[in-house]
Amino acid sequence: MRVTENSTYGVVRDSIQRSRERMDSYLHQLCAGQVPGDTYRNLNVSPHYADQTFKHILVPVWLLTFTYGASVYQAVVNGYTGRIAGRYPKSWVEILLLVLFILCAIGIAVLVSQR
């Protein structure tokens, strides 16, 4: 994908819109938390945003593609936060052992609680 100035502006505009929606939702939750009582009606929160700017930020991103068995997996690592996104192979043997371990722990807990 080739990034042009117009497409960059569109991405920034979309990001600003999503950010405002998230901030509006968060502000509504904060205000609702300040209302005394269990319920409220007609809560109207009207935030005003002024002097908005943005700055470009360069963050390292690592892309990983690997083959495990017959499947191809991809992962992305954010170099700033360390968050990883992607799929990974799951071992049915390890999942089965985990389920058996949990069932044994529950069984032992039931036996101990009956005595």
Protein backbone atom coordinates (compact mmCIF):
# COMPACT_ATOMS: atom_id res chain seq x y z
CA MET A 1 0.00 0.00 0.00
CA ARG A 2 1.40 3.34 -1.00
CA VAL A 3 0.83 6.08 1.55
CA THR A 4 0.10 9.48 0.09
CA GLU A 5 -0.63 12.75 1.80
CA ASN A 6 -4.36 12.38 1.13
CA SER A 7 -4.49 8.83 2.51
CA THR A 8 -2.44 9.93 5.53
CA TYR A 9 -4.95 12.71 6.18
CA GLY A 10 -7.78 10.18 5.97
CA VAL A 11 -6.05 7.91 8.49
CA VAL A 12 -5.47 10.84 10.84
CA ARG A 13 -9.08 12.02 10.45
CA ASP A 14 -10.39 8.50 11.19
CA SER A 15 -8.06 8.19 14.18
CA ILE A 16 -9.24 11.52 15.55
CA GLN A 17 -12.86 10.44 15.19
CA ARG A 18 -12.23 7.11 16.96
CA SER A 19 -10.29 8.88 19.72
CA ARG A 20 -13.09 11.38 20.28
CA GLU A 21 -15.64 8.56 20.46
CA ARG A 22 -13.52 6.72 23.04
CA MET A 23 -12.97 9.89 25.06
CA ASP A 24 -16.69 10.79 24.91
CA SER A 25 -17.61 7.31 26.12
CA TYR A 26 -15.07 7.50 28.94
CA LEU A 27 -16.27 10.97 29.99
CA HIS A 28 -19.86 9.73 30.00
CA GLN A 29 -18.86 6.83 32.27
CA LEU A 30 -16.99 9.21 34.61
CA CYS A 31 -19.95 11.56 34.82
CA ALA A 32 -22.39 8.69 35.36
CA GLY A 33 -20.21 7.51 38.23
CA GLN A 34 -20.55 10.91 39.91
CA VAL A 35 -24.36 10.88 39.82
CA PRO A 36 -25.71 9.80 43.22
CA GLY A 37 -28.06 6.84 43.36
CA ASP A 38 -28.32 3.63 41.39
CA THR A 39 -29.92 4.96 38.22
CA TYR A 40 -30.08 8.16 36.23
CA ARG A 41 -32.03 9.48 33.27
CA ASN A 42 -31.20 11.90 30.50
CA LEU A 43 -27.53 12.35 31.36
CA ASN A 44 -26.11 14.68 28.74
CA VAL A 45 -22.34 15.10 28.47
CA SER A 46 -21.15 17.60 25.85
CA PRO A 47 -17.35 17.79 25.76
CA HIS A 48 -15.65 20.57 23.82
CA TYR A 49 -12.25 19.91 22.24
CA ALA A 50 -9.94 22.84 21.50
CA ASP A 51 -6.38 23.30 20.24
CA GLN A 52 -6.07 19.77 18.92
CA THR A 53 -2.79 18.79 17.30
CA PHE A 54 -1.09 15.57 16.33
CA LYS A 55 2.48 14.51 15.89
CA HIS A 56 3.91 11.70 13.86
CA ILE A 57 5.61 9.03 15.87
CA LEU A 58 7.89 6.33 14.62
CA VAL A 59 7.67 3.09 16.53
CA PRO A 60 9.60 -0.04 15.68
CA VAL A 61 7.39 -2.91 14.60
CA TRP A 62 8.61 -6.44 14.05
CA LEU A 63 6.79 -8.74 11.66
CA LEU A 64 7.22 -12.47 11.98
CA THR A 65 6.02 -15.22 9.67
CA PHE A 66 6.75 -18.84 10.49
CA THR A 67 5.63 -22.26 9.40
CA TYR A 68 4.66 -24.90 11.93
CA GLY A 69 3.64 -28.20 10.42
CA ALA A 70 1.47 -27.42 7.41
CA SER A 71 0.23 -24.06 8.73
CA VAL A 72 1.69 -20.59 8.29
CA TYR A 73 1.45 -18.20 11.24
CA GLN A 74 2.06 -14.46 11.42
CA ALA A 75 2.77 -12.25 14.41
CA VAL A 76 3.37 -8.54 14.92
CA VAL A 77 5.33 -7.11 17.86
CA ASN A 78 4.98 -3.46 18.86
CA GLY A 79 8.50 -2.31 19.70
CA TYR A 80 7.25 0.43 22.00
CA THR A 81 4.77 -1.43 24.20
CA GLY A 82 5.94 -4.99 23.61
CA ARG A 83 2.41 -6.14 22.79
CA ILE A 84 2.17 -9.13 20.48
CA ALA A 85 -0.67 -9.80 18.09
CA GLY A 86 -1.16 -12.82 15.89
CA ARG A 87 -1.93 -16.50 15.89
CA TYR A 88 0.22 -19.28 17.25
CA PRO A 89 0.08 -23.07 17.10
CA LYS A 90 -1.74 -24.79 19.94
CA SER A 91 -0.80 -28.25 21.12
CA TRP A 92 -3.83 -30.49 21.66
CA VAL A 93 -1.71 -32.63 24.00
CA GLU A 94 -0.94 -29.69 26.28
CA ILE A 95 -4.58 -28.54 26.22
CA LEU A 96 -5.73 -32.07 27.14
CA LEU A 97 -3.20 -32.26 29.99
CA LEU A 98 -4.35 -28.88 31.31
CA VAL A 99 -8.01 -29.95 31.25
CA LEU A 100 -7.14 -33.21 33.04
CA PHE A 101 -5.13 -31.30 35.65
CA ILE A 102 -8.04 -28.93 36.30
CA LEU A 103 -10.49 -31.84 36.59
CA CYS A 104 -8.16 -33.62 39.04
CA ALA A 105 -7.80 -30.45 41.11
CA ILE A 106 -11.59 -30.05 41.23
CA GLY A 107 -11.98 -33.73 42.18
CA ILE A 108 -9.43 -33.42 44.99
CA ALA A 109 -11.12 -30.25 46.24
CA VAL A 110 -14.50 -32.02 46.30
CA LEU A 111 -13.05 -35.03 48.17
CA VAL A 112 -11.34 -32.81 50.73
CA SER A 113 -14.47 -30.71 51.28
CA GLN A 114 -16.60 -33.84 51.89
CA ARG A 115 -14.38 -35.09 54.72
